[in-house]
């Protein structure tokens, strides 16, 4: 058997071990997706856009620059638990995220995903959220694959400053603002 199979690709993310070992283990009982909107400082919380039912937050442990997450304010573990209004707003926020990321970074593609449950890879299994990850050819390069290190080319604060106005503009186009 050839590995990887021709139809199979791997998104290596060894740098996320710090998230798994440091953040998830220490978060017993707390949910950062519930706590972040209550912080009172969206920049510190990395919330780049607030809707009525859901919000967009930068991933503190990104796969790539611009890695966003769309989450409902309500703590629910699966898509089936969302109201139609929450789900619709989340999808509109995904569209707005893609538009803002295209304007800001010109990605060649996106990974859009929802991991439901521990076994599916959910880092926050109790609070459903949608990942929006911009992708470019070659974004998993030598240092990532061989060195186990991911180079994120922009500080989270700079990403926040660049994306926030673009997300506000894109959200208005999708009837969210």
Protein backbone atom coordinates (compact mmCIF):
# COMPACT_ATOMS: atom_id res chain seq x y z
CA UNK A 1 0.00 0.00 0.00
CA UNK A 2 1.31 3.43 -0.93
CA UNK A 3 1.27 6.02 1.80
CA UNK A 4 -0.12 8.52 1.55
CA UNK A 5 -2.70 7.25 -0.86
CA UNK A 6 -3.12 9.43 -3.97
CA UNK A 7 -6.57 10.59 -2.80
CA UNK A 8 -5.40 11.21 0.73
CA UNK A 9 -3.65 14.34 1.94
CA UNK A 10 -2.33 15.14 5.39
CA UNK A 11 -2.51 18.50 7.09
CA UNK A 12 0.37 18.19 9.55
CA UNK A 13 -0.10 20.35 12.62
CA UNK A 14 2.42 19.28 15.28
CA UNK A 15 2.56 22.82 16.73
CA UNK A 16 -0.99 22.28 17.98
CA UNK A 17 0.38 19.94 20.68
CA UNK A 18 0.91 23.03 22.85
CA UNK A 19 -2.83 23.63 22.58
CA UNK A 20 -3.65 20.04 23.43
CA UNK A 21 -1.25 19.78 26.36
CA UNK A 22 -1.47 23.30 27.77
CA UNK A 23 -4.90 24.70 27.03
CA UNK A 24 -7.31 21.79 26.86
CA UNK A 25 -5.96 20.09 30.00
CA UNK A 26 -6.14 23.30 32.04
CA UNK A 27 -9.62 24.27 30.88
CA UNK A 28 -11.51 21.81 33.08
CA UNK A 29 -15.09 23.05 33.24
CA UNK A 30 -14.43 26.29 31.39
CA UNK A 31 -15.28 27.01 27.77
CA UNK A 32 -13.27 29.73 26.07
CA UNK A 33 -15.99 30.11 23.42
CA UNK A 34 -18.45 30.97 26.21
CA UNK A 35 -15.97 33.09 28.19
CA UNK A 36 -14.47 35.13 25.31
CA UNK A 37 -17.63 37.12 24.44
CA UNK A 38 -17.99 38.08 28.12
CA UNK A 39 -14.45 39.48 28.46
CA UNK A 40 -15.47 43.00 27.46
CA UNK A 41 -12.40 43.47 25.25
CA UNK A 42 -12.96 42.00 21.79
CA UNK A 43 -9.37 42.67 20.74
CA UNK A 44 -7.97 40.77 23.73
CA UNK A 45 -10.54 38.01 23.21
CA UNK A 46 -9.68 37.99 19.46
CA UNK A 47 -13.37 38.38 18.52
CA UNK A 48 -13.27 40.03 15.11
CA UNK A 49 -17.03 40.20 14.56
CA UNK A 50 -20.17 39.88 16.69
CA UNK A 51 -23.50 38.91 15.20
CA UNK A 52 -26.82 38.53 17.00
CA UNK A 53 -26.64 34.74 17.38
CA UNK A 54 -22.96 33.98 16.72
CA UNK A 55 -19.50 35.53 16.50
CA UNK A 56 -16.21 35.17 14.62
CA UNK A 57 -13.03 34.65 16.62
CA UNK A 58 -9.41 34.23 15.56
CA UNK A 59 -7.96 30.84 16.40
CA UNK A 60 -5.22 31.42 18.99
CA UNK A 61 -3.45 28.27 17.71
CA UNK A 62 -3.96 28.69 13.95
CA UNK A 63 -3.24 26.23 11.19
CA UNK A 64 -2.56 29.24 8.95
CA UNK A 65 -2.63 33.02 9.15
CA UNK A 66 -6.27 34.12 9.19
CA UNK A 67 -7.65 30.89 10.71
CA UNK A 68 -11.10 31.88 11.98
CA UNK A 69 -13.79 30.12 13.97
CA UNK A 70 -17.51 30.88 13.83
CA UNK A 71 -19.36 29.96 17.02
CA UNK A 72 -22.82 30.52 18.50
CA UNK A 73 -23.04 32.39 21.78
CA UNK A 74 -25.09 29.51 23.15
CA UNK A 75 -23.12 26.52 24.48
CA UNK A 76 -24.34 23.59 22.37
CA UNK A 77 -22.33 20.59 21.26
CA UNK A 78 -23.74 19.78 17.83
CA UNK A 79 -25.31 21.33 14.75
CA UNK A 80 -28.61 19.58 15.53
CA UNK A 81 -28.82 21.57 18.76
CA UNK A 82 -28.71 24.93 16.99
CA UNK A 83 -31.84 26.89 16.18
CA UNK A 84 -32.46 27.60 12.50
CA UNK A 85 -31.62 31.25 13.17
CA UNK A 86 -28.28 30.37 14.78
CA UNK A 87 -27.33 27.99 11.99
CA UNK A 88 -28.28 30.45 9.24
CA UNK A 89 -26.31 33.25 10.87
CA UNK A 90 -23.29 30.99 11.32
CA UNK A 91 -23.33 30.07 7.62
CA UNK A 92 -23.62 33.74 6.69
CA UNK A 93 -20.68 34.47 8.97
CA UNK A 94 -18.67 31.74 7.22
CA UNK A 95 -19.44 33.44 3.89
CA UNK A 96 -18.44 36.83 5.31
CA UNK A 97 -15.24 35.27 6.70
CA UNK A 98 -14.32 33.84 3.31
CA UNK A 99 -14.94 37.18 1.62
CA UNK A 100 -12.84 39.10 4.17
CA UNK A 101 -10.03 36.54 4.00
CA UNK A 102 -10.03 36.69 0.19
CA UNK A 103 -9.68 40.48 0.32
CA UNK A 104 -7.01 40.42 3.01
CA UNK A 105 -4.84 37.45 2.01
CA UNK A 106 -5.88 36.18 -1.43
CA UNK A 107 -5.93 32.49 -0.45
CA UNK A 108 -6.11 29.87 -3.19
CA UNK A 109 -8.64 27.78 -1.28
CA UNK A 110 -10.27 27.13 2.07
CA UNK A 111 -10.82 24.32 4.51
CA UNK A 112 -14.23 24.76 6.14
CA UNK A 113 -14.99 22.24 8.85
CA UNK A 114 -16.88 21.21 11.94
CA UNK A 115 -15.49 18.61 14.33
CA UNK A 116 -18.23 17.20 16.54
CA UNK A 117 -17.04 15.13 19.49
CA UNK A 118 -13.63 14.21 20.87
CA UNK A 119 -13.14 11.31 18.47
CA UNK A 120 -13.76 13.62 15.52
CA UNK A 121 -10.96 15.92 16.64
CA UNK A 122 -12.98 18.60 18.40
CA UNK A 123 -10.68 20.64 20.65
CA UNK A 124 -13.78 22.14 22.29
CA UNK A 125 -16.21 19.22 22.09
CA UNK A 126 -18.97 20.91 24.10
CA UNK A 127 -19.28 24.07 21.98
CA UNK A 128 -19.90 23.57 18.26
CA UNK A 129 -17.96 25.89 15.95
CA UNK A 130 -16.98 26.11 12.29
CA UNK A 131 -13.34 26.46 11.27
CA UNK A 132 -12.52 28.69 8.29
CA UNK A 133 -8.91 28.07 7.27
CA UNK A 134 -7.41 29.91 4.28
CA UNK A 135 -5.04 27.75 2.20
CA UNK A 136 -2.25 28.36 -0.30
CA UNK A 137 -0.21 25.99 -2.40
CA UNK A 138 2.86 25.05 -0.39
CA UNK A 139 1.51 26.26 2.96
CA UNK A 140 2.75 23.03 4.54
CA UNK A 141 6.42 23.47 3.76
CA UNK A 142 9.73 21.91 4.76
CA UNK A 143 9.93 23.44 8.23
CA UNK A 144 6.39 22.30 8.99
CA UNK A 145 6.72 18.73 7.78
CA UNK A 146 10.33 18.01 8.80
CA UNK A 147 10.87 20.40 11.70
CA UNK A 148 7.44 20.11 13.28
CA UNK A 149 7.20 23.90 13.36
CA UNK A 150 4.57 26.10 11.74
CA UNK A 151 5.51 29.57 10.60
CA UNK A 152 2.61 31.97 11.05
CA UNK A 153 3.62 35.04 9.12
CA UNK A 154 1.54 37.59 10.99
CA UNK A 155 0.93 38.37 14.66
CA UNK A 156 -2.63 37.69 15.82
CA UNK A 157 -3.07 41.38 16.68
CA UNK A 158 -2.13 42.39 13.12
CA UNK A 159 -4.50 39.78 11.72
CA UNK A 160 -7.24 41.15 13.98
CA UNK A 161 -6.65 44.74 12.81
CA UNK A 162 -6.66 43.71 9.15
CA UNK A 163 -9.72 41.46 9.27
CA UNK A 164 -12.07 43.32 11.62
CA UNK A 165 -13.08 46.13 9.22
CA UNK A 166 -13.27 43.71 6.28
CA UNK A 167 -15.54 41.39 8.27
CA UNK A 168 -17.82 44.24 9.30
CA UNK A 169 -18.16 45.26 5.65
CA UNK A 170 -18.70 41.69 4.42
CA UNK A 171 -21.22 40.97 7.18
CA UNK A 172 -23.33 43.96 6.10
CA UNK A 173 -23.47 42.52 2.57
CA UNK A 174 -24.91 39.30 4.00
CA UNK A 175 -27.54 41.16 6.01
CA UNK A 176 -25.80 40.73 9.34
CA UNK A 177 -24.90 44.23 10.43
